PDB file of N, CA and C in Angstrom:
ATOM      1  N   UNK A   1      22.033  12.596   7.256  1.00  0.00           N
ATOM      2  CA  UNK A   1      20.820  11.893   7.628  1.00  0.00           C
ATOM      3  C   UNK A   1      20.425  12.321   9.039  1.00  0.00           C
ATOM      4  N   UNK A   2      19.762  13.427   9.171  1.00  0.00           N
ATOM      5  CA  UNK A   2      19.282  13.961  10.434  1.00  0.00           C
ATOM      6  C   UNK A   2      20.419  14.229  11.407  1.00  0.00           C
ATOM      7  N   UNK A   3      21.631  14.406  10.927  1.00  0.00           N
ATOM      8  CA  UNK A   3      22.750  14.690  11.806  1.00  0.00           C
ATOM      9  C   UNK A   3      23.206  13.498  12.629  1.00  0.00           C
ATOM     10  N   UNK A   4      22.820  12.284  12.226  1.00  0.00           N
ATOM     11  CA  UNK A   4      23.227  11.087  12.965  1.00  0.00           C
ATOM     12  C   UNK A   4      24.484  10.510  12.336  1.00  0.00           C
ATOM     13  N   UNK A   5      25.452  10.246  13.179  1.00  0.00           N
ATOM     14  CA  UNK A   5      26.669   9.611  12.719  1.00  0.00           C
ATOM     15  C   UNK A   5      26.630   8.120  12.983  1.00  0.00           C
ATOM     16  N   UNK A   6      27.728   7.446  12.655  1.00  0.00           N
ATOM     17  CA  UNK A   6      27.798   6.003  12.851  1.00  0.00           C
ATOM     18  C   UNK A   6      27.640   5.593  14.310  1.00  0.00           C
ATOM     19  N   UNK A   7      28.271   6.292  15.263  1.00  0.00           N
ATOM     20  CA  UNK A   7      28.101   5.870  16.665  1.00  0.00           C
ATOM     21  C   UNK A   7      26.637   5.926  17.127  1.00  0.00           C
ATOM     22  N   UNK A   8      25.921   6.970  16.724  1.00  0.00           N
ATOM     23  CA  UNK A   8      24.516   7.080  17.118  1.00  0.00           C
ATOM     24  C   UNK A   8      23.678   5.976  16.494  1.00  0.00           C
ATOM     25  N   UNK A   9      23.919   5.687  15.209  1.00  0.00           N
ATOM     26  CA  UNK A   9      23.178   4.622  14.540  1.00  0.00           C
ATOM     27  C   UNK A   9      23.471   3.264  15.160  1.00  0.00           C
ATOM     28  N   UNK A  10      24.718   3.045  15.563  1.00  0.00           N
ATOM     29  CA  UNK A  10      25.078   1.783  16.207  1.00  0.00           C
ATOM     30  C   UNK A  10      24.354   1.626  17.540  1.00  0.00           C
ATOM     31  N   UNK A  11      24.275   2.698  18.308  1.00  0.00           N
ATOM     32  CA  UNK A  11      23.569   2.635  19.593  1.00  0.00           C
ATOM     33  C   UNK A  11      22.088   2.363  19.371  1.00  0.00           C
ATOM     34  N   UNK A  12      21.485   3.028  18.389  1.00  0.00           N
ATOM     35  CA  UNK A  12      20.070   2.797  18.076  1.00  0.00           C
ATOM     36  C   UNK A  12      19.849   1.347  17.666  1.00  0.00           C
ATOM     37  N   UNK A  13      20.747   0.794  16.845  1.00  0.00           N
ATOM     38  CA  UNK A  13      20.622  -0.594  16.402  1.00  0.00           C
ATOM     39  C   UNK A  13      20.726  -1.561  17.587  1.00  0.00           C
ATOM     40  N   UNK A  14      21.659  -1.316  18.475  1.00  0.00           N
ATOM     41  CA  UNK A  14      21.827  -2.188  19.643  1.00  0.00           C
ATOM     42  C   UNK A  14      20.586  -2.137  20.531  1.00  0.00           C
ATOM     43  N   UNK A  15      20.062  -0.955  20.756  1.00  0.00           N
ATOM     44  CA  UNK A  15      18.857  -0.817  21.578  1.00  0.00           C
ATOM     45  C   UNK A  15      17.682  -1.522  20.907  1.00  0.00           C
ATOM     46  N   UNK A  16      17.553  -1.391  19.579  1.00  0.00           N
ATOM     47  CA  UNK A  16      16.460  -2.056  18.865  1.00  0.00           C
ATOM     48  C   UNK A  16      16.572  -3.573  18.992  1.00  0.00           C
ATOM     49  N   UNK A  17      17.781  -4.108  18.894  1.00  0.00           N
ATOM     50  CA  UNK A  17      17.971  -5.555  19.021  1.00  0.00           C
ATOM     51  C   UNK A  17      17.620  -6.017  20.440  1.00  0.00           C
ATOM     52  N   UNK A  18      18.010  -5.234  21.433  1.00  0.00           N
ATOM     53  CA  UNK A  18      17.702  -5.606  22.814  1.00  0.00           C
ATOM     54  C   UNK A  18      16.201  -5.549  23.071  1.00  0.00           C
ATOM     55  N   UNK A  19      15.546  -4.517  22.566  1.00  0.00           N
ATOM     56  CA  UNK A  19      14.120  -4.328  22.840  1.00  0.00           C
ATOM     57  C   UNK A  19      13.263  -5.323  22.060  1.00  0.00           C
ATOM     58  N   UNK A  20      13.518  -5.463  20.758  1.00  0.00           N
ATOM     59  CA  UNK A  20      12.654  -6.276  19.902  1.00  0.00           C
ATOM     60  C   UNK A  20      13.156  -7.700  19.697  1.00  0.00           C
ATOM     61  N   UNK A  21      14.425  -7.928  19.860  1.00  0.00           N
ATOM     62  CA  UNK A  21      14.998  -9.244  19.607  1.00  0.00           C
ATOM     63  C   UNK A  21      15.428  -9.372  18.158  1.00  0.00           C
ATOM     64  N   UNK A  22      16.441 -10.185  17.910  1.00  0.00           N
ATOM     65  CA  UNK A  22      16.997 -10.279  16.551  1.00  0.00           C
ATOM     66  C   UNK A  22      16.050 -10.913  15.541  1.00  0.00           C
ATOM     67  N   UNK A  23      15.088 -11.718  15.980  1.00  0.00           N
ATOM     68  CA  UNK A  23      14.178 -12.360  15.033  1.00  0.00           C
ATOM     69  C   UNK A  23      13.069 -11.423  14.579  1.00  0.00           C
ATOM     70  N   UNK A  24      12.756 -10.421  15.371  1.00  0.00           N
ATOM     71  CA  UNK A  24      11.650  -9.507  15.063  1.00  0.00           C
ATOM     72  C   UNK A  24      12.103  -8.334  14.187  1.00  0.00           C
ATOM     73  N   UNK A  25      13.387  -8.015  14.180  1.00  0.00           N
ATOM     74  CA  UNK A  25      13.910  -6.853  13.452  1.00  0.00           C
ATOM     75  C   UNK A  25      13.587  -6.919  11.949  1.00  0.00           C
ATOM     76  N   UNK A  26      13.808  -8.046  11.241  1.00  0.00           N
ATOM     77  CA  UNK A  26      13.474  -8.067   9.798  1.00  0.00           C
ATOM     78  C   UNK A  26      11.986  -7.843   9.521  1.00  0.00           C
ATOM     79  N   UNK A  27      11.117  -8.356  10.398  1.00  0.00           N
ATOM     80  CA  UNK A  27       9.682  -8.137  10.217  1.00  0.00           C
ATOM     81  C   UNK A  27       9.348  -6.657  10.361  1.00  0.00           C
ATOM     82  N   UNK A  28       9.939  -6.008  11.339  1.00  0.00           N
ATOM     83  CA  UNK A  28       9.696  -4.584  11.556  1.00  0.00           C
ATOM     84  C   UNK A  28      10.229  -3.779  10.373  1.00  0.00           C
ATOM     85  N   UNK A  29      11.402  -4.151   9.886  1.00  0.00           N
ATOM     86  CA  UNK A  29      11.981  -3.459   8.733  1.00  0.00           C
ATOM     87  C   UNK A  29      11.113  -3.595   7.491  1.00  0.00           C
ATOM     88  N   UNK A  30      10.588  -4.785   7.263  1.00  0.00           N
ATOM     89  CA  UNK A  30       9.716  -4.998   6.108  1.00  0.00           C
ATOM     90  C   UNK A  30       8.437  -4.196   6.211  1.00  0.00           C
ATOM     91  N   UNK A  31       7.849  -4.172   7.386  1.00  0.00           N
ATOM     92  CA  UNK A  31       6.623  -3.396   7.583  1.00  0.00           C
ATOM     93  C   UNK A  31       6.893  -1.900   7.413  1.00  0.00           C
ATOM     94  N   UNK A  32       8.013  -1.442   7.930  1.00  0.00           N
ATOM     95  CA  UNK A  32       8.371  -0.037   7.787  1.00  0.00           C
ATOM     96  C   UNK A  32       8.594   0.317   6.322  1.00  0.00           C
ATOM     97  N   UNK A  33       9.263  -0.567   5.582  1.00  0.00           N
ATOM     98  CA  UNK A  33       9.492  -0.330   4.156  1.00  0.00           C
ATOM     99  C   UNK A  33       8.193  -0.249   3.375  1.00  0.00           C
ATOM    100  N   UNK A  34       7.259  -1.151   3.664  1.00  0.00           N
ATOM    101  CA  UNK A  34       5.958  -1.120   2.981  1.00  0.00           C
ATOM    102  C   UNK A  34       5.197   0.160   3.304  1.00  0.00           C
ATOM    103  N   UNK A  35       5.268   0.572   4.551  1.00  0.00           N
ATOM    104  CA  UNK A  35       4.580   1.790   4.967  1.00  0.00           C
ATOM    105  C   UNK A  35       5.160   3.010   4.266  1.00  0.00           C
ATOM    106  N   UNK A  36       6.486   3.104   4.238  1.00  0.00           N
ATOM    107  CA  UNK A  36       7.119   4.243   3.582  1.00  0.00           C
ATOM    108  C   UNK A  36       6.865   4.239   2.079  1.00  0.00           C
ATOM    109  N   UNK A  37       6.859   3.056   1.465  1.00  0.00           N
ATOM    110  CA  UNK A  37       6.585   2.952   0.036  1.00  0.00           C
ATOM    111  C   UNK A  37       5.162   3.429  -0.272  1.00  0.00           C
ATOM    112  N   UNK A  38       4.204   2.999   0.530  1.00  0.00           N
ATOM    113  CA  UNK A  38       2.826   3.430   0.349  1.00  0.00           C
ATOM    114  C   UNK A  38       2.673   4.923   0.549  1.00  0.00           C
ATOM    115  N   UNK A  39       3.348   5.472   1.551  1.00  0.00           N
ATOM    116  CA  UNK A  39       3.295   6.904   1.803  1.00  0.00           C
ATOM    117  C   UNK A  39       3.866   7.675   0.616  1.00  0.00           C
ATOM    118  N   UNK A  40       4.983   7.199   0.079  1.00  0.00           N
ATOM    119  CA  UNK A  40       5.618   7.872  -1.058  1.00  0.00           C
ATOM    120  C   UNK A  40       4.713   7.824  -2.288  1.00  0.00           C
ATOM    121  N   UNK A  41       4.063   6.686  -2.526  1.00  0.00           N
ATOM    122  CA  UNK A  41       3.147   6.569  -3.659  1.00  0.00           C
ATOM    123  C   UNK A  41       1.972   7.525  -3.509  1.00  0.00           C
ATOM    124  N   UNK A  42       1.442   7.651  -2.304  1.00  0.00           N
ATOM    125  CA  UNK A  42       0.328   8.581  -2.063  1.00  0.00           C
ATOM    126  C   UNK A  42       0.769  10.023  -2.290  1.00  0.00           C
ATOM    127  N   UNK A  43       1.958  10.365  -1.846  1.00  0.00           N
ATOM    128  CA  UNK A  43       2.455  11.726  -2.048  1.00  0.00           C
ATOM    129  C   UNK A  43       2.614  12.023  -3.535  1.00  0.00           C
ATOM    130  N   UNK A  44       3.128  11.059  -4.300  1.00  0.00           N
ATOM    131  CA  UNK A  44       3.290  11.249  -5.737  1.00  0.00           C
ATOM    132  C   UNK A  44       1.951  11.371  -6.434  1.00  0.00           C
ATOM    133  N   UNK A  45       0.960  10.582  -6.029  1.00  0.00           N
ATOM    134  CA  UNK A  45      -0.352  10.655  -6.670  1.00  0.00           C
ATOM    135  C   UNK A  45      -1.035  11.972  -6.331  1.00  0.00           C
ATOM    136  N   UNK A  46      -0.822  12.485  -5.106  1.00  0.00           N
ATOM    137  CA  UNK A  46      -1.397  13.771  -4.739  1.00  0.00           C
ATOM    138  C   UNK A  46      -0.763  14.904  -5.541  1.00  0.00           C
ATOM    139  N   UNK A  47       0.524  14.819  -5.820  1.00  0.00           N
ATOM    140  CA  UNK A  47       1.192  15.844  -6.611  1.00  0.00           C
ATOM    141  C   UNK A  47       0.693  15.824  -8.050  1.00  0.00           C
ATOM    142  N   UNK A  48       0.435  14.619  -8.582  1.00  0.00           N
ATOM    143  CA  UNK A  48      -0.092  14.523  -9.935  1.00  0.00           C
ATOM    144  C   UNK A  48      -1.500  15.106 -10.008  1.00  0.00           C
ATOM    145  N   UNK A  49      -2.325  14.878  -9.001  1.00  0.00           N
ATOM    146  CA  UNK A  49      -3.676  15.421  -8.975  1.00  0.00           C
ATOM    147  C   UNK A  49      -3.626  16.945  -8.897  1.00  0.00           C
ATOM    148  N   UNK A  50      -2.710  17.482  -8.097  1.00  0.00           N
ATOM    149  CA  UNK A  50      -2.595  18.924  -7.972  1.00  0.00           C
ATOM    150  C   UNK A  50      -2.150  19.582  -9.279  1.00  0.00           C
ATOM    151  N   UNK A  51      -1.281  18.904 -10.023  1.00  0.00           N
ATOM    152  CA  UNK A  51      -0.811  19.489 -11.272  1.00  0.00           C
ATOM    153  C   UNK A  51      -1.888  19.415 -12.366  1.00  0.00           C
ATOM    154  N   UNK A  52      -2.848  18.495 -12.233  1.00  0.00           N
ATOM    155  CA  UNK A  52      -3.931  18.380 -13.203  1.00  0.00           C
ATOM    156  C   UNK A  52      -4.955  19.493 -13.039  1.00  0.00           C
ATOM    157  N   UNK A  53      -5.069  20.035 -11.839  1.00  0.00           N
ATOM    158  CA  UNK A  53      -6.118  21.033 -11.546  1.00  0.00           C
ATOM    159  C   UNK A  53      -5.709  22.379 -12.022  1.00  0.00           C
TER     160      UNK A  53
END
């Protein structure tokens, strides 16, 4: 996963908790998940359109 190991992910998580606070993290995660899901759906629909042409 981008060459990140457990120590790097732990540091990123700690920094995120310090910056955003523990109550804001689930909201950010949910928004990120929705964004990535929408992006993936758009990419799949674009591939289907390209194969139809």
